[in-house]
Amino acid sequence: MKSDIEAYLAGRQHREGETVQLGWFVFRIAEAGSPPRIESLDFRQMASFTDDFQMAEKIAASQTEVLRSFGVSECPCTLQQTALISVSYTPGHPDAFLQRQQSTDANDSGWYIGILDDPADMDDVETLSRRSLYELTIHDMRLAPFWLLPVQTTIPLRDHTSFQR
């Protein structure tokens, strides 16, 4: 992954502090140069970067494996895009599920996160909120492997609890 970013930056002007998006991930140029020193988001807290690419590589590998196991092609989204969230959802909730619909605009990933048998009224906008896929991933790593699945996918997280930090 790191070599892919370095290859992408080779021959392109870049400055310290700039961010680079490659696929689902965002990286920061910590020091300009050849090669530049690149940092990955650490997925522990918002806007926190690290020299350790282990978590980004783990997420990328899990996303690739999920796509392979479902036999589907990637439906791209970015970690800056948002998902619609039921107020009943909390990170780690055993009855949480993800469902992907067509996105409504460039900032929308199309993902909805709710819970089975949700007591909240889904017709009431007060029972819904939006959060970035990045923030959701930080707080509930179970979600990370599934973000690239296509529209019309529903994933009950009860069946997929093994992805951890």
Protein backbone atom coordinates (compact mmCIF):
# COMPACT_ATOMS: atom_id res chain seq x y z
CA MET A 1 0.00 0.00 0.00
CA LYS A 2 2.76 2.43 0.95
CA SER A 3 4.64 1.67 -2.25
CA ASP A 4 1.45 2.34 -4.25
CA ILE A 5 1.20 5.81 -2.72
CA GLU A 6 4.89 6.49 -3.31
CA ALA A 7 4.49 5.39 -6.94
CA TYR A 8 1.45 7.64 -7.31
CA LEU A 9 3.36 10.62 -5.90
CA ALA A 10 6.50 10.00 -7.97
CA GLY A 11 6.80 12.75 -10.53
CA ARG A 12 3.97 14.77 -8.96
CA GLN A 13 4.57 17.86 -6.94
CA HIS A 14 3.59 17.45 -3.32
CA ARG A 15 4.09 19.32 -0.10
CA GLU A 16 4.33 18.43 3.53
CA GLY A 17 0.90 18.35 5.17
CA GLU A 18 -1.02 17.59 1.98
CA THR A 19 -3.40 14.67 1.97
CA VAL A 20 -3.75 12.11 -0.77
CA GLN A 21 -6.75 9.89 -1.36
CA LEU A 22 -6.03 6.49 -2.80
CA GLY A 23 -9.09 4.28 -3.08
CA TRP A 24 -11.02 4.33 0.16
CA PHE A 25 -8.10 5.68 2.19
CA VAL A 26 -6.61 9.10 2.92
CA PHE A 27 -2.90 9.53 3.57
CA ARG A 28 -0.87 12.54 4.67
CA ILE A 29 2.53 13.61 3.42
CA ALA A 30 4.48 14.03 6.64
CA GLU A 31 7.70 15.04 4.89
CA ALA A 32 8.16 15.95 1.25
CA GLY A 33 11.03 14.33 -0.56
CA SER A 34 11.89 11.40 -2.70
CA PRO A 35 10.38 9.23 -1.47
CA PRO A 36 8.12 11.29 0.78
CA ARG A 37 7.36 10.15 4.32
CA ILE A 38 3.71 9.17 4.27
CA GLU A 39 1.33 8.60 7.15
CA SER A 40 -1.95 6.70 7.27
CA LEU A 41 -5.01 7.49 9.32
CA ASP A 42 -4.76 5.37 12.45
CA PHE A 43 -8.52 4.65 12.75
CA ARG A 44 -8.36 5.27 16.50
CA GLN A 45 -9.47 8.90 16.67
CA MET A 46 -10.52 11.58 14.21
CA ALA A 47 -7.76 13.07 12.03
CA SER A 48 -5.04 11.07 13.77
CA PHE A 49 -2.22 9.83 11.56
CA THR A 50 0.51 7.25 12.07
CA ASP A 51 3.59 5.89 10.30
CA ASP A 52 2.16 2.41 10.89
CA PHE A 53 0.18 1.22 7.88
CA GLN A 54 -0.93 -2.00 9.56
CA MET A 55 -4.54 -0.97 10.20
CA ALA A 56 -5.03 0.50 6.72
CA GLU A 57 -3.59 -2.68 5.21
CA LYS A 58 -5.80 -4.84 7.43
CA ILE A 59 -8.91 -2.91 6.38
CA ALA A 60 -7.93 -3.07 2.70
CA ALA A 61 -7.33 -6.83 2.95
CA SER A 62 -10.66 -7.38 4.71
CA GLN A 63 -12.51 -5.32 2.09
CA THR A 64 -10.88 -7.32 -0.70
CA GLU A 65 -11.77 -10.59 1.03
CA VAL A 66 -15.40 -9.55 1.55
CA LEU A 67 -15.75 -8.57 -2.11
CA ARG A 68 -14.22 -11.90 -3.14
CA SER A 69 -16.41 -13.93 -0.79
CA PHE A 70 -19.57 -12.19 -2.01
CA GLY A 71 -18.42 -12.56 -5.62
CA VAL A 72 -19.06 -8.89 -6.39
CA SER A 73 -17.14 -5.93 -7.75
CA GLU A 74 -16.23 -2.92 -5.68
CA CYS A 75 -18.78 -0.12 -5.51
CA PRO A 76 -16.49 2.75 -4.54
CA CYS A 77 -17.13 5.18 -1.75
CA THR A 78 -14.84 7.32 0.36
CA LEU A 79 -14.34 7.53 4.07
CA GLN A 80 -15.48 11.16 3.91
CA GLN A 81 -18.90 10.18 2.60
CA THR A 82 -21.73 9.80 5.06
CA ALA A 83 -24.14 7.09 6.09
CA LEU A 84 -27.65 7.53 7.44
CA ILE A 85 -27.85 6.25 11.01
CA SER A 86 -30.77 5.26 13.20
CA VAL A 87 -30.68 6.87 16.64
CA SER A 88 -31.15 3.34 18.01
CA TYR A 89 -27.76 2.22 16.64
CA THR A 90 -24.79 2.24 18.97
CA PRO A 91 -21.30 0.95 18.14
CA GLY A 92 -21.08 -2.76 18.80
CA HIS A 93 -24.87 -3.20 18.99
CA PRO A 94 -25.47 -6.94 18.47
CA ASP A 95 -28.53 -6.39 16.26
CA ALA A 96 -26.97 -3.75 14.00
CA PHE A 97 -27.12 -4.10 10.24
CA LEU A 98 -25.92 -2.21 7.18
CA GLN A 99 -27.94 -1.70 4.04
CA ARG A 100 -26.73 0.05 0.92
CA GLN A 101 -29.04 1.93 -1.39
CA GLN A 102 -28.35 4.31 -4.23
CA SER A 103 -26.59 7.42 -2.96
CA THR A 104 -28.57 10.65 -3.02
CA ASP A 105 -25.64 13.00 -3.67
CA ALA A 106 -21.83 13.12 -3.82
CA ASN A 107 -21.52 13.22 -0.01
CA ASP A 108 -23.80 10.22 0.54
CA SER A 109 -22.38 6.69 0.45
CA GLY A 110 -25.83 5.13 0.21
CA TRP A 111 -25.29 3.20 3.45
CA TYR A 112 -27.89 3.02 6.20
CA ILE A 113 -27.04 1.62 9.63
CA GLY A 114 -29.85 0.50 11.85
CA ILE A 115 -30.85 -2.24 14.23
CA LEU A 116 -33.22 -5.12 13.72
CA ASP A 117 -36.71 -4.48 15.11
CA ASP A 118 -35.83 -0.81 15.55
CA PRO A 119 -38.31 0.92 17.87
CA ALA A 120 -37.53 4.31 16.27
CA ASP A 121 -39.94 5.66 13.66
CA MET A 122 -37.98 5.69 10.40
CA ASP A 123 -40.44 8.19 8.91
CA ASP A 124 -39.42 10.73 11.54
CA VAL A 125 -36.25 12.60 10.52
CA GLU A 126 -35.54 13.21 14.20
CA THR A 127 -34.69 9.50 14.54
CA LEU A 128 -31.95 9.69 11.90
CA SER A 129 -28.53 11.29 11.73
CA ARG A 130 -25.57 11.32 9.34
CA ARG A 131 -21.99 10.39 10.13
CA SER A 132 -18.93 9.89 7.98
CA LEU A 133 -17.84 6.36 7.18
CA TYR A 134 -14.53 7.29 8.78
CA GLU A 135 -16.13 8.22 12.11
CA LEU A 136 -18.32 5.13 12.02
CA THR A 137 -15.30 2.92 11.33
CA ILE A 138 -13.34 4.42 14.23
CA HIS A 139 -16.17 3.63 16.64
CA ASP A 140 -17.25 0.26 15.20
CA MET A 141 -14.54 -1.59 13.30
CA ARG A 142 -17.02 -4.32 12.33
CA LEU A 143 -18.24 -1.97 9.59
CA ALA A 144 -14.90 -1.52 7.79
CA PRO A 145 -14.88 -4.69 5.67
CA PHE A 146 -18.27 -3.95 4.09
CA TRP A 147 -18.06 -0.34 2.87
CA LEU A 148 -17.20 -1.29 -0.73
CA LEU A 149 -20.11 -3.70 -1.24
CA PRO A 150 -22.61 -2.74 -3.95
CA VAL A 151 -26.04 -1.18 -3.79
CA GLN A 152 -28.82 -3.56 -2.69
CA THR A 153 -26.57 -5.24 -0.11
CA THR A 154 -27.75 -5.89 3.44
CA ILE A 155 -25.34 -7.15 6.09
CA PRO A 156 -26.53 -8.25 9.54
CA LEU A 157 -23.52 -7.58 11.76
CA ARG A 158 -24.54 -10.32 14.18
CA ASP A 159 -23.12 -12.73 11.59
CA HIS A 160 -19.89 -10.75 11.12
CA THR A 161 -18.24 -9.91 14.41
CA SER A 162 -14.66 -11.04 13.90
CA PHE A 163 -13.02 -7.87 12.53
CA GLN A 164 -11.14 -6.15 15.35
CA ARG A 165 -8.36 -3.58 15.71
